Amino acid sequence: IADGIEHAMAELLARTKISRSRRVE
């Protein structure tokens, strides 16, 4: 459960960067 929380946060941060780059485009 602890590992899953941290891995999910890393993925959400990556998805956030993708979302921002799309807004910039």
mmCIF file of all heavy atoms, coordinates in Angstrom:
data_MODEL
# 
_entry.id   MODEL 
# 
loop_
_atom_site.group_PDB 
_atom_site.id 
_atom_site.type_symbol 
_atom_site.label_atom_id 
_atom_site.label_alt_id 
_atom_site.label_comp_id 
_atom_site.label_asym_id 
_atom_site.label_entity_id 
_atom_site.label_seq_id 
_atom_site.pdbx_PDB_ins_code 
_atom_site.Cartn_x 
_atom_site.Cartn_y 
_atom_site.Cartn_z 
_atom_site.occupancy 
_atom_site.B_iso_or_equiv 
_atom_site.pdbx_formal_charge 
_atom_site.auth_seq_id 
_atom_site.auth_comp_id 
_atom_site.auth_asym_id 
_atom_site.auth_atom_id 
_atom_site.pdbx_PDB_model_num 
ATOM 1   N N   . ILE A 1 1  ? 0.840  -1.194 0.000   1.00 0.00 ? 1  ILE A N   1 
ATOM 2   C CA  . ILE A 1 1  ? 0.000  0.000  0.000   1.00 0.00 ? 1  ILE A CA  1 
ATOM 3   C C   . ILE A 1 1  ? 0.875  1.243  0.000   1.00 0.00 ? 1  ILE A C   1 
ATOM 4   O O   . ILE A 1 1  ? 0.634  2.194  -0.754  1.00 0.00 ? 1  ILE A O   1 
ATOM 5   C CB  . ILE A 1 1  ? -0.950 -0.007 1.212   1.00 0.00 ? 1  ILE A CB  1 
ATOM 6   C CG1 . ILE A 1 1  ? -1.861 -1.238 1.170   1.00 0.00 ? 1  ILE A CG1 1 
ATOM 7   C CG2 . ILE A 1 1  ? -1.780 1.271  1.257   1.00 0.00 ? 1  ILE A CG2 1 
ATOM 8   C CD1 . ILE A 1 1  ? -2.770 -1.358 2.372   1.00 0.00 ? 1  ILE A CD1 1 
ATOM 9   N N   . ALA A 1 2  ? 1.910  1.243  0.848   1.00 0.00 ? 2  ALA A N   1 
ATOM 10  C CA  . ALA A 1 2  ? 2.823  2.384  0.896   1.00 0.00 ? 2  ALA A CA  1 
ATOM 11  C C   . ALA A 1 2  ? 3.533  2.571  -0.440  1.00 0.00 ? 2  ALA A C   1 
ATOM 12  O O   . ALA A 1 2  ? 3.618  3.699  -0.960  1.00 0.00 ? 2  ALA A O   1 
ATOM 13  C CB  . ALA A 1 2  ? 3.845  2.179  2.017   1.00 0.00 ? 2  ALA A CB  1 
ATOM 14  N N   . ASP A 1 3  ? 4.036  1.490  -1.023  1.00 0.00 ? 3  ASP A N   1 
ATOM 15  C CA  . ASP A 1 3  ? 4.711  1.584  -2.317  1.00 0.00 ? 3  ASP A CA  1 
ATOM 16  C C   . ASP A 1 3  ? 3.746  2.065  -3.395  1.00 0.00 ? 3  ASP A C   1 
ATOM 17  O O   . ASP A 1 3  ? 4.107  2.883  -4.260  1.00 0.00 ? 3  ASP A O   1 
ATOM 18  C CB  . ASP A 1 3  ? 5.293  0.236  -2.712  1.00 0.00 ? 3  ASP A CB  1 
ATOM 19  C CG  . ASP A 1 3  ? 6.442  -0.198 -1.816  1.00 0.00 ? 3  ASP A CG  1 
ATOM 20  O OD1 . ASP A 1 3  ? 7.015  0.685  -1.142  1.00 0.00 ? 3  ASP A OD1 1 
ATOM 21  O OD2 . ASP A 1 3  ? 6.751  -1.397 -1.778  1.00 0.00 ? 3  ASP A OD2 1 
ATOM 22  N N   . GLY A 1 4  ? 2.505  1.566  -3.340  1.00 0.00 ? 4  GLY A N   1 
ATOM 23  C CA  . GLY A 1 4  ? 1.522  1.959  -4.342  1.00 0.00 ? 4  GLY A CA  1 
ATOM 24  C C   . GLY A 1 4  ? 1.202  3.439  -4.288  1.00 0.00 ? 4  GLY A C   1 
ATOM 25  O O   . GLY A 1 4  ? 1.004  4.082  -5.329  1.00 0.00 ? 4  GLY A O   1 
ATOM 26  N N   . ILE A 1 5  ? 1.160  4.015  -3.098  1.00 0.00 ? 5  ILE A N   1 
ATOM 27  C CA  . ILE A 1 5  ? 0.906  5.447  -2.952  1.00 0.00 ? 5  ILE A CA  1 
ATOM 28  C C   . ILE A 1 5  ? 2.035  6.255  -3.588  1.00 0.00 ? 5  ILE A C   1 
ATOM 29  O O   . ILE A 1 5  ? 1.794  7.212  -4.343  1.00 0.00 ? 5  ILE A O   1 
ATOM 30  C CB  . ILE A 1 5  ? 0.741  5.806  -1.460  1.00 0.00 ? 5  ILE A CB  1 
ATOM 31  C CG1 . ILE A 1 5  ? -0.588 5.251  -0.931  1.00 0.00 ? 5  ILE A CG1 1 
ATOM 32  C CG2 . ILE A 1 5  ? 0.828  7.311  -1.239  1.00 0.00 ? 5  ILE A CG2 1 
ATOM 33  C CD1 . ILE A 1 5  ? -0.761 5.375  0.564   1.00 0.00 ? 5  ILE A CD1 1 
ATOM 34  N N   . GLU A 1 6  ? 3.273  5.887  -3.303  1.00 0.00 ? 6  GLU A N   1 
ATOM 35  C CA  . GLU A 1 6  ? 4.405  6.641  -3.837  1.00 0.00 ? 6  GLU A CA  1 
ATOM 36  C C   . GLU A 1 6  ? 4.546  6.473  -5.344  1.00 0.00 ? 6  GLU A C   1 
ATOM 37  O O   . GLU A 1 6  ? 4.865  7.433  -6.064  1.00 0.00 ? 6  GLU A O   1 
ATOM 38  C CB  . GLU A 1 6  ? 5.682  6.210  -3.111  1.00 0.00 ? 6  GLU A CB  1 
ATOM 39  C CG  . GLU A 1 6  ? 5.666  6.596  -1.623  1.00 0.00 ? 6  GLU A CG  1 
ATOM 40  C CD  . GLU A 1 6  ? 6.958  6.237  -0.909  1.00 0.00 ? 6  GLU A CD  1 
ATOM 41  O OE1 . GLU A 1 6  ? 7.810  5.551  -1.519  1.00 0.00 ? 6  GLU A OE1 1 
ATOM 42  O OE2 . GLU A 1 6  ? 7.123  6.643  0.267   1.00 0.00 ? 6  GLU A OE2 1 
ATOM 43  N N   . HIS A 1 7  ? 4.295  5.277  -5.852  1.00 0.00 ? 7  HIS A N   1 
ATOM 44  C CA  . HIS A 1 7  ? 4.365  5.056  -7.300  1.00 0.00 ? 7  HIS A CA  1 
ATOM 45  C C   . HIS A 1 7  ? 3.261  5.826  -8.022  1.00 0.00 ? 7  HIS A C   1 
ATOM 46  O O   . HIS A 1 7  ? 3.491  6.401  -9.095  1.00 0.00 ? 7  HIS A O   1 
ATOM 47  C CB  . HIS A 1 7  ? 4.257  3.564  -7.618  1.00 0.00 ? 7  HIS A CB  1 
ATOM 48  C CG  . HIS A 1 7  ? 5.457  2.775  -7.197  1.00 0.00 ? 7  HIS A CG  1 
ATOM 49  N ND1 . HIS A 1 7  ? 5.432  1.410  -6.993  1.00 0.00 ? 7  HIS A ND1 1 
ATOM 50  C CD2 . HIS A 1 7  ? 6.733  3.164  -6.923  1.00 0.00 ? 7  HIS A CD2 1 
ATOM 51  C CE1 . HIS A 1 7  ? 6.630  1.000  -6.620  1.00 0.00 ? 7  HIS A CE1 1 
ATOM 52  N NE2 . HIS A 1 7  ? 7.437  2.047  -6.565  1.00 0.00 ? 7  HIS A NE2 1 
ATOM 53  N N   . ALA A 1 8  ? 2.068  5.849  -7.442  1.00 0.00 ? 8  ALA A N   1 
ATOM 54  C CA  . ALA A 1 8  ? 0.966  6.592  -8.052  1.00 0.00 ? 8  ALA A CA  1 
ATOM 55  C C   . ALA A 1 8  ? 1.267  8.085  -8.086  1.00 0.00 ? 8  ALA A C   1 
ATOM 56  O O   . ALA A 1 8  ? 0.946  8.782  -9.061  1.00 0.00 ? 8  ALA A O   1 
ATOM 57  C CB  . ALA A 1 8  ? -0.328 6.327  -7.287  1.00 0.00 ? 8  ALA A CB  1 
ATOM 58  N N   . MET A 1 9  ? 1.918  8.597  -7.041  1.00 0.00 ? 9  MET A N   1 
ATOM 59  C CA  . MET A 1 9  ? 2.261  10.015 -7.024  1.00 0.00 ? 9  MET A CA  1 
ATOM 60  C C   . MET A 1 9  ? 3.275  10.347 -8.108  1.00 0.00 ? 9  MET A C   1 
ATOM 61  O O   . MET A 1 9  ? 3.175  11.382 -8.785  1.00 0.00 ? 9  MET A O   1 
ATOM 62  C CB  . MET A 1 9  ? 2.823  10.394 -5.641  1.00 0.00 ? 9  MET A CB  1 
ATOM 63  C CG  . MET A 1 9  ? 3.061  11.896 -5.485  1.00 0.00 ? 9  MET A CG  1 
ATOM 64  S SD  . MET A 1 9  ? 1.531  12.826 -5.652  1.00 0.00 ? 9  MET A SD  1 
ATOM 65  C CE  . MET A 1 9  ? 2.185  14.448 -6.078  1.00 0.00 ? 9  MET A CE  1 
ATOM 66  N N   . ALA A 1 10 ? 4.249  9.474  -8.292  1.00 0.00 ? 10 ALA A N   1 
ATOM 67  C CA  . ALA A 1 10 ? 5.240  9.692  -9.349  1.00 0.00 ? 10 ALA A CA  1 
ATOM 68  C C   . ALA A 1 10 ? 4.565  9.717  -10.721 1.00 0.00 ? 10 ALA A C   1 
ATOM 69  O O   . ALA A 1 10 ? 4.897  10.552 -11.580 1.00 0.00 ? 10 ALA A O   1 
ATOM 70  C CB  . ALA A 1 10 ? 6.309  8.605  -9.293  1.00 0.00 ? 10 ALA A CB  1 
ATOM 71  N N   . GLU A 1 11 ? 3.595  8.822  -10.922 1.00 0.00 ? 11 GLU A N   1 
ATOM 72  C CA  . GLU A 1 11 ? 2.904  8.789  -12.216 1.00 0.00 ? 11 GLU A CA  1 
ATOM 73  C C   . GLU A 1 11 ? 2.043  10.033 -12.405 1.00 0.00 ? 11 GLU A C   1 
ATOM 74  O O   . GLU A 1 11 ? 1.983  10.598 -13.510 1.00 0.00 ? 11 GLU A O   1 
ATOM 75  C CB  . GLU A 1 11 ? 2.050  7.532  -12.322 1.00 0.00 ? 11 GLU A CB  1 
ATOM 76  C CG  . GLU A 1 11 ? 1.361  7.402  -13.680 1.00 0.00 ? 11 GLU A CG  1 
ATOM 77  C CD  . GLU A 1 11 ? 0.564  6.127  -13.821 1.00 0.00 ? 11 GLU A CD  1 
ATOM 78  O OE1 . GLU A 1 11 ? 0.829  5.165  -13.073 1.00 0.00 ? 11 GLU A OE1 1 
ATOM 79  O OE2 . GLU A 1 11 ? -0.338 6.096  -14.676 1.00 0.00 ? 11 GLU A OE2 1 
ATOM 80  N N   . LEU A 1 12 ? 1.365  10.480 -11.341 1.00 0.00 ? 12 LEU A N   1 
ATOM 81  C CA  . LEU A 1 12 ? 0.544  11.680 -11.466 1.00 0.00 ? 12 LEU A CA  1 
ATOM 82  C C   . LEU A 1 12 ? 1.389  12.909 -11.769 1.00 0.00 ? 12 LEU A C   1 
ATOM 83  O O   . LEU A 1 12 ? 0.975  13.786 -12.526 1.00 0.00 ? 12 LEU A O   1 
ATOM 84  C CB  . LEU A 1 12 ? -0.256 11.909 -10.180 1.00 0.00 ? 12 LEU A CB  1 
ATOM 85  C CG  . LEU A 1 12 ? -1.613 11.222 -10.081 1.00 0.00 ? 12 LEU A CG  1 
ATOM 86  C CD1 . LEU A 1 12 ? -2.279 11.554 -8.755  1.00 0.00 ? 12 LEU A CD1 1 
ATOM 87  C CD2 . LEU A 1 12 ? -2.527 11.620 -11.244 1.00 0.00 ? 12 LEU A CD2 1 
ATOM 88  N N   . LEU A 1 13 ? 2.570  12.984 -11.188 1.00 0.00 ? 13 LEU A N   1 
ATOM 89  C CA  . LEU A 1 13 ? 3.472  14.104 -11.495 1.00 0.00 ? 13 LEU A CA  1 
ATOM 90  C C   . LEU A 1 13 ? 3.889  14.075 -12.955 1.00 0.00 ? 13 LEU A C   1 
ATOM 91  O O   . LEU A 1 13 ? 3.951  15.115 -13.617 1.00 0.00 ? 13 LEU A O   1 
ATOM 92  C CB  . LEU A 1 13 ? 4.699  14.057 -10.585 1.00 0.00 ? 13 LEU A CB  1 
ATOM 93  C CG  . LEU A 1 13 ? 4.500  14.549 -9.154  1.00 0.00 ? 13 LEU A CG  1 
ATOM 94  C CD1 . LEU A 1 13 ? 5.758  14.312 -8.329  1.00 0.00 ? 13 LEU A CD1 1 
ATOM 95  C CD2 . LEU A 1 13 ? 4.141  16.040 -9.148  1.00 0.00 ? 13 LEU A CD2 1 
ATOM 96  N N   . ALA A 1 14 ? 4.162  12.885 -13.468 1.00 0.00 ? 14 ALA A N   1 
ATOM 97  C CA  . ALA A 1 14 ? 4.507  12.756 -14.887 1.00 0.00 ? 14 ALA A CA  1 
ATOM 98  C C   . ALA A 1 14 ? 3.335  13.180 -15.759 1.00 0.00 ? 14 ALA A C   1 
ATOM 99  O O   . ALA A 1 14 ? 3.514  13.871 -16.773 1.00 0.00 ? 14 ALA A O   1 
ATOM 100 C CB  . ALA A 1 14 ? 4.929  11.325 -15.190 1.00 0.00 ? 14 ALA A CB  1 
ATOM 101 N N   . ARG A 1 15 ? 2.136  12.778 -15.386 1.00 0.00 ? 15 ARG A N   1 
ATOM 102 C CA  . ARG A 1 15 ? 0.958  13.154 -16.155 1.00 0.00 ? 15 ARG A CA  1 
ATOM 103 C C   . ARG A 1 15 ? 0.709  14.662 -16.073 1.00 0.00 ? 15 ARG A C   1 
ATOM 104 O O   . ARG A 1 15 ? 0.205  15.279 -17.018 1.00 0.00 ? 15 ARG A O   1 
ATOM 105 C CB  . ARG A 1 15 ? -0.265 12.398 -15.631 1.00 0.00 ? 15 ARG A CB  1 
ATOM 106 C CG  . ARG A 1 15 ? -0.174 10.880 -15.756 1.00 0.00 ? 15 ARG A CG  1 
ATOM 107 C CD  . ARG A 1 15 ? -0.301 10.423 -17.195 1.00 0.00 ? 15 ARG A CD  1 
ATOM 108 N NE  . ARG A 1 15 ? -1.659 10.601 -17.704 1.00 0.00 ? 15 ARG A NE  1 
ATOM 109 C CZ  . ARG A 1 15 ? -2.627 9.716  -17.559 1.00 0.00 ? 15 ARG A CZ  1 
ATOM 110 N NH1 . ARG A 1 15 ? -2.408 8.579  -16.887 1.00 0.00 ? 15 ARG A NH1 1 
ATOM 111 N NH2 . ARG A 1 15 ? -3.818 9.947  -18.063 1.00 0.00 ? 15 ARG A NH2 1 
ATOM 112 N N   . THR A 1 16 ? 1.060  15.261 -14.932 1.00 0.00 ? 16 THR A N   1 
ATOM 113 C CA  . THR A 1 16 ? 0.915  16.707 -14.779 1.00 0.00 ? 16 THR A CA  1 
ATOM 114 C C   . THR A 1 16 ? 1.827  17.445 -15.746 1.00 0.00 ? 16 THR A C   1 
ATOM 115 O O   . THR A 1 16 ? 1.436  18.447 -16.367 1.00 0.00 ? 16 THR A O   1 
ATOM 116 C CB  . THR A 1 16 ? 1.236  17.117 -13.330 1.00 0.00 ? 16 THR A CB  1 
ATOM 117 O OG1 . THR A 1 16 ? 0.321  16.480 -12.451 1.00 0.00 ? 16 THR A OG1 1 
ATOM 118 C CG2 . THR A 1 16 ? 1.147  18.621 -13.145 1.00 0.00 ? 16 THR A CG2 1 
ATOM 119 N N   . LYS A 1 17 ? 3.073  16.967 -15.895 1.00 0.00 ? 17 LYS A N   1 
ATOM 120 C CA  . LYS A 1 17 ? 4.008  17.597 -16.833 1.00 0.00 ? 17 LYS A CA  1 
ATOM 121 C C   . LYS A 1 17 ? 3.487  17.488 -18.258 1.00 0.00 ? 17 LYS A C   1 
ATOM 122 O O   . LYS A 1 17 ? 3.604  18.434 -19.050 1.00 0.00 ? 17 LYS A O   1 
ATOM 123 C CB  . LYS A 1 17 ? 5.384  16.939 -16.710 1.00 0.00 ? 17 LYS A CB  1 
ATOM 124 C CG  . LYS A 1 17 ? 6.077  17.203 -15.380 1.00 0.00 ? 17 LYS A CG  1 
ATOM 125 C CD  . LYS A 1 17 ? 7.422  16.499 -15.300 1.00 0.00 ? 17 LYS A CD  1 
ATOM 126 C CE  . LYS A 1 17 ? 8.083  16.742 -13.960 1.00 0.00 ? 17 LYS A CE  1 
ATOM 127 N NZ  . LYS A 1 17 ? 9.389  16.023 -13.832 1.00 0.00 ? 17 LYS A NZ  1 
ATOM 128 N N   . ILE A 1 18 ? 2.916  16.346 -18.598 1.00 0.00 ? 18 ILE A N   1 
ATOM 129 C CA  . ILE A 1 18 ? 2.353  16.167 -19.945 1.00 0.00 ? 18 ILE A CA  1 
ATOM 130 C C   . ILE A 1 18 ? 1.190  17.134 -20.149 1.00 0.00 ? 18 ILE A C   1 
ATOM 131 O O   . ILE A 1 18 ? 1.069  17.773 -21.204 1.00 0.00 ? 18 ILE A O   1 
ATOM 132 C CB  . ILE A 1 18 ? 1.891  14.708 -20.141 1.00 0.00 ? 18 ILE A CB  1 
ATOM 133 C CG1 . ILE A 1 18 ? 3.100  13.776 -20.124 1.00 0.00 ? 18 ILE A CG1 1 
ATOM 134 C CG2 . ILE A 1 18 ? 1.109  14.558 -21.443 1.00 0.00 ? 18 ILE A CG2 1 
ATOM 135 C CD1 . ILE A 1 18 ? 2.722  12.306 -20.149 1.00 0.00 ? 18 ILE A CD1 1 
ATOM 136 N N   . SER A 1 19 ? 0.338  17.267 -19.127 1.00 0.00 ? 19 SER A N   1 
ATOM 137 C CA  . SER A 1 19 ? -0.792 18.181 -19.226 1.00 0.00 ? 19 SER A CA  1 
ATOM 138 C C   . SER A 1 19 ? -0.340 19.614 -19.415 1.00 0.00 ? 19 SER A C   1 
ATOM 139 O O   . SER A 1 19 ? -0.902 20.363 -20.225 1.00 0.00 ? 19 SER A O   1 
ATOM 140 C CB  . SER A 1 19 ? -1.660 18.062 -17.958 1.00 0.00 ? 19 SER A CB  1 
ATOM 141 O OG  . SER A 1 19 ? -2.717 18.975 -17.980 1.00 0.00 ? 19 SER A OG  1 
ATOM 142 N N   . ARG A 1 20 ? 0.708  20.000 -18.695 1.00 0.00 ? 20 ARG A N   1 
ATOM 143 C CA  . ARG A 1 20 ? 1.224  21.367 -18.840 1.00 0.00 ? 20 ARG A CA  1 
ATOM 144 C C   . ARG A 1 20 ? 1.829  21.598 -20.211 1.00 0.00 ? 20 ARG A C   1 
ATOM 145 O O   . ARG A 1 20 ? 1.644  22.656 -20.810 1.00 0.00 ? 20 ARG A O   1 
ATOM 146 C CB  . ARG A 1 20 ? 2.267  21.627 -17.745 1.00 0.00 ? 20 ARG A CB  1 
ATOM 147 C CG  . ARG A 1 20 ? 1.667  21.858 -16.372 1.00 0.00 ? 20 ARG A CG  1 
ATOM 148 C CD  . ARG A 1 20 ? 2.752  22.020 -15.350 1.00 0.00 ? 20 ARG A CD  1 
ATOM 149 N NE  . ARG A 1 20 ? 2.206  22.369 -14.050 1.00 0.00 ? 20 ARG A NE  1 
ATOM 150 C CZ  . ARG A 1 20 ? 2.910  22.375 -12.924 1.00 0.00 ? 20 ARG A CZ  1 
ATOM 151 N NH1 . ARG A 1 20 ? 4.201  22.042 -12.961 1.00 0.00 ? 20 ARG A NH1 1 
ATOM 152 N NH2 . ARG A 1 20 ? 2.349  22.699 -11.783 1.00 0.00 ? 20 ARG A NH2 1 
ATOM 153 N N   . SER A 1 21 ? 2.567  20.612 -20.714 1.00 0.00 ? 21 SER A N   1 
ATOM 154 C CA  . SER A 1 21 ? 3.196  20.775 -22.035 1.00 0.00 ? 21 SER A CA  1 
ATOM 155 C C   . SER A 1 21 ? 2.141  20.921 -23.118 1.00 0.00 ? 21 SER A C   1 
ATOM 156 O O   . SER A 1 21 ? 2.323  21.677 -24.081 1.00 0.00 ? 21 SER A O   1 
ATOM 157 C CB  . SER A 1 21 ? 4.105  19.584 -22.327 1.00 0.00 ? 21 SER A CB  1 
ATOM 158 O OG  . SER A 1 21 ? 3.367  18.388 -22.450 1.00 0.00 ? 21 SER A OG  1 
ATOM 159 N N   . ARG A 1 22 ? 1.023  20.217 -22.958 1.00 0.00 ? 22 ARG A N   1 
ATOM 160 C CA  . ARG A 1 22 ? -0.054 20.350 -23.935 1.00 0.00 ? 22 ARG A CA  1 
ATOM 161 C C   . ARG A 1 22 ? -0.675 21.736 -23.878 1.00 0.00 ? 22 ARG A C   1 
ATOM 162 O O   . ARG A 1 22 ? -1.047 22.291 -24.911 1.00 0.00 ? 22 ARG A O   1 
ATOM 163 C CB  . ARG A 1 22 ? -1.114 19.275 -23.686 1.00 0.00 ? 22 ARG A CB  1 
ATOM 164 C CG  . ARG A 1 22 ? -0.653 17.874 -24.091 1.00 0.00 ? 22 ARG A CG  1 
ATOM 165 C CD  . ARG A 1 22 ? -1.686 16.830 -23.712 1.00 0.00 ? 22 ARG A CD  1 
ATOM 166 N NE  . ARG A 1 22 ? -1.272 15.504 -24.156 1.00 0.00 ? 22 ARG A NE  1 
ATOM 167 C CZ  . ARG A 1 22 ? -1.894 14.374 -23.818 1.00 0.00 ? 22 ARG A CZ  1 
ATOM 168 N NH1 . ARG A 1 22 ? -2.966 14.428 -23.011 1.00 0.00 ? 22 ARG A NH1 1 
ATOM 169 N NH2 . ARG A 1 22 ? -1.456 13.209 -24.260 1.00 0.00 ? 22 ARG A NH2 1 
ATOM 170 N N   . ARG A 1 23 ? -0.774 22.283 -22.681 1.00 0.00 ? 23 ARG A N   1 
ATOM 171 C CA  . ARG A 1 23 ? -1.319 23.633 -22.570 1.00 0.00 ? 23 ARG A CA  1 
ATOM 172 C C   . ARG A 1 23 ? -0.380 24.655 -23.190 1.00 0.00 ? 23 ARG A C   1 
ATOM 173 O O   . ARG A 1 23 ? -0.816 25.639 -23.770 1.00 0.00 ? 23 ARG A O   1 
ATOM 174 C CB  . ARG A 1 23 ? -1.584 23.977 -21.099 1.00 0.00 ? 23 ARG A CB  1 
ATOM 175 C CG  . ARG A 1 23 ? -2.758 23.230 -20.503 1.00 0.00 ? 23 ARG A CG  1 
ATOM 176 C CD  . ARG A 1 23 ? -3.296 23.948 -19.276 1.00 0.00 ? 23 ARG A CD  1 
ATOM 177 N NE  . ARG A 1 23 ? -2.285 24.076 -18.239 1.00 0.00 ? 23 ARG A NE  1 
ATOM 178 C CZ  . ARG A 1 23 ? -2.097 23.183 -17.281 1.00 0.00 ? 23 ARG A CZ  1 
ATOM 179 N NH1 . ARG A 1 23 ? -2.839 22.085 -17.252 1.00 0.00 ? 23 ARG A NH1 1 
ATOM 180 N NH2 . ARG A 1 23 ? -1.184 23.370 -16.365 1.00 0.00 ? 23 ARG A NH2 1 
ATOM 181 N N   . VAL A 1 24 ? 0.916  24.413 -23.038 1.00 0.00 ? 24 VAL A N   1 
ATOM 182 C CA  . VAL A 1 24 ? 1.893  25.312 -23.646 1.00 0.00 ? 24 VAL A CA  1 
ATOM 183 C C   . VAL A 1 24 ? 1.793  25.253 -25.167 1.00 0.00 ? 24 VAL A C   1 
ATOM 184 O O   . VAL A 1 24 ? 1.854  26.272 -25.866 1.00 0.00 ? 24 VAL A O   1 
ATOM 185 C CB  . VAL A 1 24 ? 3.318  24.960 -23.168 1.00 0.00 ? 24 VAL A CB  1 
ATOM 186 C CG1 . VAL A 1 24 ? 4.355  25.728 -23.974 1.00 0.00 ? 24 VAL A CG1 1 
ATOM 187 C CG2 . VAL A 1 24 ? 3.466  25.255 -21.688 1.00 0.00 ? 24 VAL A CG2 1 
ATOM 188 N N   . GLU A 1 25 ? 1.637  24.037 -25.714 1.00 0.00 ? 25 GLU A N   1 
ATOM 189 C CA  . GLU A 1 25 ? 1.492  23.889 -27.158 1.00 0.00 ? 25 GLU A CA  1 
ATOM 190 C C   . GLU A 1 25 ? 0.233  24.573 -27.675 1.00 0.00 ? 25 GLU A C   1 
ATOM 191 O O   . GLU A 1 25 ? 0.201  25.071 -28.805 1.00 0.00 ? 25 GLU A O   1 
ATOM 192 C CB  . GLU A 1 25 ? 1.446  22.402 -27.522 1.00 0.00 ? 25 GLU A CB  1 
ATOM 193 C CG  . GLU A 1 25 ? 2.764  21.677 -27.300 1.00 0.00 ? 25 GLU A CG  1 
ATOM 194 C CD  . GLU A 1 25 ? 2.638  20.186 -27.525 1.00 0.00 ? 25 GLU A CD  1 
ATOM 195 O OE1 . GLU A 1 25 ? 1.517  19.737 -27.854 1.00 0.00 ? 25 GLU A OE1 1 
ATOM 196 O OE2 . GLU A 1 25 ? 3.642  19.479 -27.353 1.00 0.00 ? 25 GLU A OE2 1 
# 
